[in-house]
């Protein structure tokens, strides 16, 4: 009886691993497709991969101009903490890598506009922003659009500022 359970478990695990690998192979572009894409518009490809200094990178999205941050707003940070716990903790932890990167210190690594644009516009950011693309290659999971809105994104940013100030 124990042998049957072990054999069944091994079989299920093997099939799971094989199905995961098949999915990756199906998503990977064929070498000829890759060559065609590169030949079709190399200038566009180069622009998309151009890295910008993180201190100048505003990201891509609705936040187009630089934000001037005032003193920390605790009420807004509290609201941001609530939104963060509801929408973000499935993929992010503050102090450690999880599905996505740890967020402690994010306000020292990225501009406020970039952070908000990543929250508000993650699909386009991952497609067109070099820093976001790099994160995608490192974490292999694109950030999901949580439908937070500008006010919510600003509150989350304020929460991150408070966490980073401690």
N, C-alpha and C. Protein backbone atom coordinates (compact mmCIF):
# COMPACT_ATOMS: atom_id res chain seq x y z
N UNK A 1 0.82 -1.19 0.00
CA UNK A 1 0.00 0.00 0.00
C UNK A 1 0.87 1.26 0.00
N UNK A 2 1.91 1.28 0.84
CA UNK A 2 2.80 2.43 0.89
C UNK A 2 3.51 2.61 -0.44
N UNK A 3 3.90 1.52 -1.08
CA UNK A 3 4.59 1.61 -2.37
C UNK A 3 3.69 2.24 -3.42
N UNK A 4 2.40 1.89 -3.42
CA UNK A 4 1.47 2.48 -4.39
C UNK A 4 1.36 3.99 -4.18
N UNK A 5 1.30 4.40 -2.92
CA UNK A 5 1.21 5.83 -2.62
C UNK A 5 2.46 6.56 -3.07
N UNK A 6 3.61 5.96 -2.83
CA UNK A 6 4.88 6.58 -3.24
C UNK A 6 4.95 6.67 -4.75
N UNK A 7 4.60 5.58 -5.46
CA UNK A 7 4.62 5.59 -6.92
C UNK A 7 3.65 6.64 -7.48
N UNK A 8 2.48 6.73 -6.87
CA UNK A 8 1.50 7.72 -7.31
C UNK A 8 2.03 9.13 -7.09
N UNK A 9 2.61 9.39 -5.95
CA UNK A 9 3.18 10.70 -5.65
C UNK A 9 4.29 11.07 -6.62
N UNK A 10 5.17 10.12 -6.91
CA UNK A 10 6.26 10.36 -7.87
C UNK A 10 5.70 10.64 -9.24
N UNK A 11 4.68 9.90 -9.65
CA UNK A 11 4.07 10.10 -10.96
C UNK A 11 3.43 11.49 -11.05
N UNK A 12 2.70 11.88 -10.04
CA UNK A 12 2.05 13.20 -10.04
C UNK A 12 3.10 14.30 -10.08
N UNK A 13 4.14 14.17 -9.30
CA UNK A 13 5.21 15.19 -9.30
C UNK A 13 5.89 15.25 -10.66
N UNK A 14 6.16 14.11 -11.25
CA UNK A 14 6.81 14.08 -12.57
C UNK A 14 5.94 14.75 -13.62
N UNK A 15 4.65 14.44 -13.61
CA UNK A 15 3.75 15.07 -14.58
C UNK A 15 3.65 16.57 -14.36
N UNK A 16 3.66 16.99 -13.13
CA UNK A 16 3.62 18.42 -12.82
C UNK A 16 4.86 19.12 -13.37
N UNK A 17 6.01 18.55 -13.13
CA UNK A 17 7.26 19.13 -13.61
C UNK A 17 7.28 19.17 -15.12
N UNK A 18 6.85 18.09 -15.76
CA UNK A 18 6.82 18.06 -17.22
C UNK A 18 5.85 19.09 -17.78
N UNK A 19 4.69 19.24 -17.17
CA UNK A 19 3.73 20.22 -17.68
C UNK A 19 4.25 21.64 -17.50
N UNK A 20 4.98 21.90 -16.42
CA UNK A 20 5.58 23.23 -16.23
C UNK A 20 6.59 23.51 -17.33
N UNK A 21 7.42 22.55 -17.63
CA UNK A 21 8.42 22.74 -18.68
C UNK A 21 7.79 22.93 -20.05
N UNK A 22 6.71 22.22 -20.32
CA UNK A 22 6.03 22.37 -21.61
C UNK A 22 5.49 23.78 -21.76
N UNK A 23 4.95 24.35 -20.70
CA UNK A 23 4.42 25.71 -20.75
C UNK A 23 5.51 26.71 -21.06
N UNK A 24 6.69 26.52 -20.48
CA UNK A 24 7.80 27.44 -20.73
C UNK A 24 8.26 27.33 -22.18
N UNK A 25 8.33 26.10 -22.69
CA UNK A 25 8.76 25.91 -24.07
C UNK A 25 7.76 26.54 -25.03
N UNK A 26 6.48 26.44 -24.73
CA UNK A 26 5.46 26.99 -25.61
C UNK A 26 5.53 28.51 -25.64
N UNK A 27 5.89 29.13 -24.52
CA UNK A 27 5.95 30.58 -24.46
C UNK A 27 7.23 31.15 -25.09
N UNK A 28 8.28 30.37 -25.09
CA UNK A 28 9.56 30.86 -25.60
C UNK A 28 9.48 31.04 -27.11
N UNK A 29 9.94 32.17 -27.63
CA UNK A 29 9.91 32.38 -29.06
C UNK A 29 10.90 31.46 -29.76
N UNK A 30 10.54 31.03 -30.94
CA UNK A 30 11.45 30.22 -31.75
C UNK A 30 12.57 31.13 -32.24
N UNK A 31 13.72 30.54 -32.52
CA UNK A 31 14.87 31.36 -32.91
C UNK A 31 14.58 32.14 -34.18
N UNK A 32 13.82 31.57 -35.13
CA UNK A 32 13.51 32.30 -36.36
C UNK A 32 12.58 33.47 -36.07
N UNK A 33 11.62 33.29 -35.13
CA UNK A 33 10.73 34.39 -34.76
C UNK A 33 11.52 35.52 -34.14
N UNK A 34 12.48 35.18 -33.30
CA UNK A 34 13.30 36.17 -32.63
C UNK A 34 14.09 36.99 -33.65
N UNK A 35 14.64 36.30 -34.66
CA UNK A 35 15.42 37.00 -35.68
C UNK A 35 14.54 37.94 -36.49
N UNK A 36 13.33 37.51 -36.80
CA UNK A 36 12.42 38.35 -37.57
C UNK A 36 12.08 39.60 -36.77
N UNK A 37 11.81 39.44 -35.48
CA UNK A 37 11.46 40.59 -34.63
C UNK A 37 12.62 41.58 -34.58
N UNK A 38 13.84 41.10 -34.44
CA UNK A 38 15.00 41.99 -34.36
C UNK A 38 15.22 42.71 -35.68
N UNK A 39 15.01 42.01 -36.80
CA UNK A 39 15.23 42.62 -38.10
C UNK A 39 14.14 43.63 -38.43
N UNK A 40 12.92 43.41 -37.95
CA UNK A 40 11.80 44.25 -38.35
C UNK A 40 11.91 45.69 -37.83
N UNK A 41 12.41 45.89 -36.63
CA UNK A 41 12.49 47.24 -36.09
C UNK A 41 13.58 47.33 -35.02
N UNK A 42 14.87 47.28 -35.42
CA UNK A 42 15.94 47.30 -34.43
C UNK A 42 16.02 48.60 -33.64
N UNK A 43 15.66 49.72 -34.23
CA UNK A 43 15.73 51.00 -33.51
C UNK A 43 14.74 51.01 -32.36
N UNK A 44 13.54 50.53 -32.61
CA UNK A 44 12.51 50.47 -31.56
C UNK A 44 12.96 49.57 -30.43
N UNK A 45 13.56 48.44 -30.76
CA UNK A 45 14.04 47.49 -29.76
C UNK A 45 15.11 48.14 -28.90
N UNK A 46 16.03 48.88 -29.51
CA UNK A 46 17.12 49.53 -28.77
C UNK A 46 16.58 50.60 -27.83
N UNK A 47 15.60 51.37 -28.27
CA UNK A 47 15.01 52.41 -27.43
C UNK A 47 14.34 51.77 -26.22
N UNK A 48 13.64 50.66 -26.44
CA UNK A 48 12.93 49.99 -25.36
C UNK A 48 13.89 49.47 -24.29
N UNK A 49 15.10 49.09 -24.68
CA UNK A 49 16.06 48.53 -23.74
C UNK A 49 16.98 49.56 -23.12
N UNK A 50 16.91 50.81 -23.58
CA UNK A 50 17.79 51.85 -23.07
C UNK A 50 17.52 52.09 -21.58
N UNK A 51 18.55 51.97 -20.79
CA UNK A 51 18.39 52.18 -19.36
C UNK A 51 18.55 53.66 -19.03
N UNK A 52 17.77 54.10 -18.07
CA UNK A 52 17.79 55.48 -17.60
C UNK A 52 18.27 55.46 -16.16
N UNK A 53 19.00 56.48 -15.78
CA UNK A 53 19.44 56.62 -14.39
C UNK A 53 18.22 56.56 -13.48
N UNK A 54 18.21 55.67 -12.46
CA UNK A 54 17.05 55.55 -11.58
C UNK A 54 16.63 56.88 -10.93
N UNK A 55 17.56 57.80 -10.80
CA UNK A 55 17.23 59.09 -10.20
C UNK A 55 16.50 60.00 -11.19
N UNK A 56 16.51 59.63 -12.47
CA UNK A 56 15.83 60.42 -13.50
C UNK A 56 14.64 59.69 -14.11
N UNK A 57 14.51 58.40 -13.88
CA UNK A 57 13.48 57.57 -14.50
C UNK A 57 12.13 57.79 -13.81
N UNK A 58 11.20 58.41 -14.52
CA UNK A 58 9.86 58.65 -13.99
C UNK A 58 8.93 57.47 -14.28
N UNK A 59 9.38 56.56 -15.13
CA UNK A 59 8.52 55.46 -15.52
C UNK A 59 7.58 55.88 -16.62
N UNK A 60 6.63 54.98 -16.92
CA UNK A 60 5.67 55.21 -18.00
C UNK A 60 4.28 55.06 -17.41
N UNK A 61 3.48 56.09 -17.55
CA UNK A 61 2.12 56.02 -17.02
C UNK A 61 1.53 57.39 -16.81
N UNK A 62 0.52 57.48 -15.98
CA UNK A 62 -0.18 58.75 -15.81
C UNK A 62 0.61 59.83 -15.07
N UNK A 63 1.63 59.43 -14.31
CA UNK A 63 2.43 60.41 -13.57
C UNK A 63 3.56 60.85 -14.51
N UNK A 64 3.38 62.02 -15.11
CA UNK A 64 4.30 62.49 -16.15
C UNK A 64 5.33 63.50 -15.65
N UNK A 65 5.01 64.21 -14.57
CA UNK A 65 5.94 65.23 -14.09
C UNK A 65 6.42 64.87 -12.69
N UNK A 66 7.54 65.49 -12.32
CA UNK A 66 8.14 65.20 -11.02
C UNK A 66 7.23 65.64 -9.88
N UNK A 67 7.18 64.79 -8.87
CA UNK A 67 6.37 65.07 -7.68
C UNK A 67 7.26 65.71 -6.62
N UNK A 68 6.76 66.77 -6.00
CA UNK A 68 7.46 67.37 -4.88
C UNK A 68 6.83 66.83 -3.61
N UNK A 69 7.63 66.12 -2.83
CA UNK A 69 7.12 65.50 -1.61
C UNK A 69 7.29 66.45 -0.43
N UNK A 70 6.23 66.59 0.35
CA UNK A 70 6.26 67.41 1.55
C UNK A 70 6.60 66.52 2.74
N UNK A 71 6.38 67.04 3.94
CA UNK A 71 6.59 66.24 5.15
C UNK A 71 5.68 65.02 5.10
N UNK A 72 6.11 63.98 5.76
CA UNK A 72 5.36 62.73 5.79
C UNK A 72 3.95 62.96 6.33
N UNK A 73 2.96 62.46 5.62
CA UNK A 73 1.56 62.58 6.01
C UNK A 73 1.13 61.24 6.61
N UNK A 74 1.05 61.18 7.95
CA UNK A 74 0.74 59.92 8.63
C UNK A 74 -0.65 59.38 8.30
N UNK A 75 -1.62 60.23 8.13
CA UNK A 75 -2.97 59.76 7.79
C UNK A 75 -2.96 59.09 6.42
N UNK A 76 -2.26 59.71 5.46
CA UNK A 76 -2.16 59.13 4.13
C UNK A 76 -1.37 57.82 4.20
N UNK A 77 -0.31 57.79 4.98
CA UNK A 77 0.49 56.57 5.13
C UNK A 77 -0.34 55.44 5.74
N UNK A 78 -1.20 55.76 6.68
CA UNK A 78 -2.09 54.75 7.27
C UNK A 78 -3.02 54.17 6.20
N UNK A 79 -3.56 55.05 5.37
CA UNK A 79 -4.43 54.59 4.28
C UNK A 79 -3.63 53.71 3.32
N UNK A 80 -2.40 54.13 3.02
CA UNK A 80 -1.53 53.35 2.14
C UNK A 80 -1.21 51.98 2.72
N UNK A 81 -1.01 51.93 4.02
CA UNK A 81 -0.73 50.65 4.69
C UNK A 81 -1.92 49.70 4.53
N UNK A 82 -3.11 50.22 4.67
CA UNK A 82 -4.32 49.41 4.51
C UNK A 82 -4.42 48.87 3.08
N UNK A 83 -4.22 49.74 2.11
CA UNK A 83 -4.27 49.32 0.70
C UNK A 83 -3.18 48.29 0.42
N UNK A 84 -1.97 48.56 0.92
CA UNK A 84 -0.84 47.64 0.72
C UNK A 84 -1.19 46.25 1.27
N UNK A 85 -1.75 46.20 2.48
CA UNK A 85 -2.10 44.90 3.07
C UNK A 85 -3.17 44.19 2.26
N UNK A 86 -4.14 44.93 1.70
CA UNK A 86 -5.22 44.34 0.92
C UNK A 86 -4.78 43.88 -0.46
N UNK A 87 -3.91 44.66 -1.10
CA UNK A 87 -3.63 44.44 -2.52
C UNK A 87 -2.23 43.89 -2.83
N UNK A 88 -1.27 44.11 -1.95
CA UNK A 88 0.13 43.87 -2.33
C UNK A 88 0.79 42.69 -1.62
N UNK A 89 0.32 42.32 -0.45
CA UNK A 89 1.04 41.33 0.36
C UNK A 89 0.99 39.91 -0.19
N UNK A 90 0.13 39.66 -1.16
CA UNK A 90 0.14 38.34 -1.79
C UNK A 90 1.44 38.11 -2.56
N UNK A 91 2.07 39.19 -3.01
CA UNK A 91 3.30 39.07 -3.81
C UNK A 91 4.51 39.76 -3.20
N UNK A 92 4.30 40.70 -2.30
CA UNK A 92 5.41 41.47 -1.74
C UNK A 92 5.47 41.37 -0.23
N UNK A 93 6.68 41.31 0.27
CA UNK A 93 6.96 41.45 1.70
C UNK A 93 7.86 42.68 1.82
N UNK A 94 7.91 43.26 2.98
CA UNK A 94 8.72 44.47 3.13
C UNK A 94 10.21 44.15 3.15
N UNK A 95 10.62 43.19 3.94
CA UNK A 95 12.04 43.00 4.19
C UNK A 95 12.67 41.83 3.45
N UNK A 96 11.89 41.11 2.65
CA UNK A 96 12.50 39.98 1.95
C UNK A 96 11.87 39.78 0.59
N UNK A 97 12.61 39.10 -0.24
CA UNK A 97 12.17 38.71 -1.56
C UNK A 97 11.03 37.71 -1.40
N UNK A 98 10.04 37.84 -2.26
CA UNK A 98 8.93 36.90 -2.26
C UNK A 98 8.61 36.64 -3.72
N UNK A 99 7.39 36.70 -4.14
CA UNK A 99 7.08 36.58 -5.57
C UNK A 99 7.65 37.81 -6.28
N UNK A 100 7.52 38.96 -5.65
CA UNK A 100 8.11 40.19 -6.14
C UNK A 100 9.19 40.65 -5.18
N UNK A 101 9.85 41.75 -5.49
CA UNK A 101 10.95 42.21 -4.64
C UNK A 101 10.48 42.71 -3.27
N UNK A 102 11.36 42.65 -2.29
CA UNK A 102 11.10 43.27 -0.99
C UNK A 102 11.00 44.77 -1.20
N UNK A 103 10.10 45.42 -0.51
CA UNK A 103 9.84 46.83 -0.77
C UNK A 103 10.47 47.79 0.22
N UNK A 104 11.06 47.28 1.28
CA UNK A 104 11.78 48.16 2.21
C UNK A 104 12.93 48.82 1.44
N UNK A 105 13.00 50.12 1.48
CA UNK A 105 14.06 50.85 0.79
C UNK A 105 13.72 51.24 -0.64
N UNK A 106 12.52 50.90 -1.10
CA UNK A 106 12.17 51.21 -2.49
C UNK A 106 12.21 52.70 -2.77
N UNK A 107 11.90 53.53 -1.78
CA UNK A 107 11.91 54.98 -2.03
C UNK A 107 13.33 55.54 -2.12
N UNK A 108 14.31 54.75 -1.72
CA UNK A 108 15.70 55.18 -1.89
C UNK A 108 16.27 54.67 -3.21
N UNK A 109 15.62 53.67 -3.80
CA UNK A 109 16.09 53.08 -5.07
C UNK A 109 15.41 53.68 -6.29
N UNK A 110 14.18 54.13 -6.13
CA UNK A 110 13.36 54.59 -7.25
C UNK A 110 12.72 55.94 -6.95
N UNK A 111 12.45 56.67 -8.01
CA UNK A 111 11.77 57.95 -7.89
C UNK A 111 10.31 57.71 -7.51
N UNK A 112 9.69 58.67 -6.82
CA UNK A 112 8.28 58.53 -6.45
C UNK A 112 7.37 58.32 -7.67
N UNK A 113 7.67 59.03 -8.75
CA UNK A 113 6.86 58.91 -9.97
C UNK A 113 6.96 57.50 -10.55
N UNK A 114 8.16 56.92 -10.53
CA UNK A 114 8.36 55.56 -11.04
C UNK A 114 7.55 54.57 -10.20
N UNK A 115 7.61 54.72 -8.89
CA UNK A 115 6.87 53.82 -7.99
C UNK A 115 5.37 53.91 -8.29
N UNK A 116 4.86 55.12 -8.39
CA UNK A 116 3.43 55.29 -8.66
C UNK A 116 3.05 54.76 -10.04
N UNK A 117 3.88 55.01 -11.04
CA UNK A 117 3.59 54.50 -12.38
C UNK A 117 3.64 52.97 -12.41
N UNK A 118 4.52 52.37 -11.64
CA UNK A 118 4.58 50.91 -11.58
C UNK A 118 3.30 50.35 -10.94
N UNK A 119 2.78 51.04 -9.96
CA UNK A 119 1.52 50.62 -9.31
C UNK A 119 0.35 50.83 -10.26
N UNK A 120 0.32 51.97 -10.94
CA UNK A 120 -0.82 52.35 -11.78
C UNK A 120 -0.80 51.74 -13.17
N UNK A 121 0.37 51.42 -13.68
CA UNK A 121 0.51 51.03 -15.09
C UNK A 121 1.52 49.89 -15.25
N UNK A 122 1.37 48.79 -14.50
CA UNK A 122 2.41 47.76 -14.51
C UNK A 122 2.59 47.05 -15.85
N UNK A 123 1.54 46.88 -16.62
CA UNK A 123 1.65 46.16 -17.89
C UNK A 123 2.54 46.92 -18.87
N UNK A 124 2.28 48.21 -19.04
CA UNK A 124 3.09 49.01 -19.96
C UNK A 124 4.50 49.22 -19.41
N UNK A 125 4.62 49.38 -18.11
CA UNK A 125 5.94 49.54 -17.49
C UNK A 125 6.81 48.32 -17.81
N UNK A 126 6.28 47.13 -17.62
CA UNK A 126 7.05 45.91 -17.87
C UNK A 126 7.37 45.76 -19.36
N UNK A 127 6.50 46.26 -20.21
CA UNK A 127 6.73 46.16 -21.65
C UNK A 127 7.73 47.19 -22.17
N UNK A 128 7.79 48.38 -21.56
CA UNK A 128 8.55 49.48 -22.15
C UNK A 128 9.62 50.11 -21.27
N UNK A 129 9.61 49.86 -19.97
CA UNK A 129 10.59 50.50 -19.08
C UNK A 129 11.70 49.51 -18.76
N UNK A 130 12.94 49.92 -19.00
CA UNK A 130 14.09 49.02 -18.83
C UNK A 130 14.21 48.49 -17.40
N UNK A 131 14.01 49.34 -16.41
CA UNK A 131 14.13 48.90 -15.02
C UNK A 131 13.04 47.88 -14.67
N UNK A 132 11.83 48.11 -15.14
CA UNK A 132 10.73 47.17 -14.89
C UNK A 132 10.96 45.85 -15.61
N UNK A 133 11.50 45.92 -16.84
CA UNK A 133 11.83 44.70 -17.58
C UNK A 133 12.87 43.88 -16.83
N UNK A 134 13.85 44.58 -16.29
CA UNK A 134 14.91 43.90 -15.54
C UNK A 134 14.33 43.19 -14.31
N UNK A 135 13.40 43.84 -13.63
CA UNK A 135 12.73 43.20 -12.49
C UNK A 135 11.96 41.97 -12.93
N UNK A 136 11.30 42.05 -14.08
CA UNK A 136 10.55 40.91 -14.57
C UNK A 136 11.47 39.72 -14.85
N UNK A 137 12.64 39.98 -15.41
CA UNK A 137 13.56 38.87 -15.67
C UNK A 137 14.09 38.27 -14.37
N UNK A 138 14.23 39.10 -13.36
CA UNK A 138 14.74 38.61 -12.08
C UNK A 138 13.68 37.84 -11.29
N UNK A 139 12.43 38.28 -11.37
CA UNK A 139 11.37 37.67 -10.55
C UNK A 139 10.43 36.77 -11.35
N UNK A 140 10.47 36.82 -12.67
CA UNK A 140 9.68 35.94 -13.55
C UNK A 140 8.17 36.02 -13.34
N UNK A 141 7.69 37.02 -12.70
CA UNK A 141 6.25 37.20 -12.52
C UNK A 141 5.94 38.67 -12.71
N UNK A 142 5.13 39.01 -13.71
CA UNK A 142 4.81 40.43 -13.91
C UNK A 142 3.91 40.94 -12.79
N UNK A 143 4.07 42.21 -12.48
CA UNK A 143 3.22 42.81 -11.46
C UNK A 143 1.81 42.94 -12.02
N UNK A 144 0.84 42.59 -11.20
CA UNK A 144 -0.57 42.65 -11.61
C UNK A 144 -1.12 44.05 -11.38
N UNK A 145 -2.01 44.47 -12.27
CA UNK A 145 -2.70 45.75 -12.10
C UNK A 145 -3.78 45.53 -11.06
N UNK A 146 -3.68 46.22 -9.95
CA UNK A 146 -4.62 46.05 -8.85
C UNK A 146 -5.76 47.07 -8.88
N UNK A 147 -5.76 47.95 -9.86
CA UNK A 147 -6.83 48.94 -9.99
C UNK A 147 -6.89 49.90 -8.81
N UNK A 148 -5.72 50.33 -8.36
CA UNK A 148 -5.65 51.16 -7.15
C UNK A 148 -6.08 52.61 -7.40
N UNK A 149 -5.75 53.20 -8.51
CA UNK A 149 -6.05 54.61 -8.77
C UNK A 149 -4.95 55.51 -8.22
N UNK A 150 -4.89 56.74 -8.73
CA UNK A 150 -3.81 57.66 -8.35
C UNK A 150 -3.79 57.96 -6.85
N UNK A 151 -4.95 58.18 -6.27
CA UNK A 151 -5.00 58.49 -4.84
C UNK A 151 -4.46 57.32 -4.00
N UNK A 152 -4.84 56.11 -4.38
CA UNK A 152 -4.36 54.93 -3.67
C UNK A 152 -2.86 54.72 -3.87
N UNK A 153 -2.39 54.93 -5.09
CA UNK A 153 -0.96 54.79 -5.37
C UNK A 153 -0.15 55.80 -4.57
N UNK A 154 -0.68 57.02 -4.46
CA UNK A 154 0.01 58.05 -3.69
C UNK A 154 0.04 57.69 -2.20
N UNK A 155 -1.05 57.08 -1.71
CA UNK A 155 -1.10 56.65 -0.31
C UNK A 155 -0.10 55.51 -0.06
N UNK A 156 -0.01 54.58 -1.00
CA UNK A 156 0.97 53.49 -0.86
C UNK A 156 2.38 54.06 -0.85
N UNK A 157 2.65 55.01 -1.74
CA UNK A 157 3.96 55.67 -1.76
C UNK A 157 4.26 56.29 -0.40
N UNK A 158 3.27 56.95 0.20
CA UNK A 158 3.47 57.59 1.50
C UNK A 158 3.77 56.53 2.57
N UNK A 159 3.10 55.40 2.49
CA UNK A 159 3.38 54.29 3.41
C UNK A 159 4.82 53.81 3.24
N UNK A 160 5.26 53.65 1.99
CA UNK A 160 6.64 53.24 1.73
C UNK A 160 7.63 54.27 2.30
N UNK A 161 7.30 55.55 2.15
CA UNK A 161 8.17 56.60 2.70
C UNK A 161 8.29 56.46 4.22
N UNK A 162 7.18 56.19 4.88
CA UNK A 162 7.20 56.03 6.33
C UNK A 162 8.03 54.80 6.73
N UNK A 163 7.84 53.69 6.04
CA UNK A 163 8.62 52.48 6.34
C UNK A 163 10.11 52.76 6.13
N UNK A 164 10.44 53.46 5.06
CA UNK A 164 11.85 53.73 4.75
C UNK A 164 12.49 54.76 5.68
N UNK A 165 11.66 55.54 6.35
CA UNK A 165 12.22 56.56 7.25
C UNK A 165 12.59 55.98 8.62
N UNK A 166 12.17 54.76 8.88
CA UNK A 166 12.45 54.14 10.19
C UNK A 166 13.75 53.37 10.17
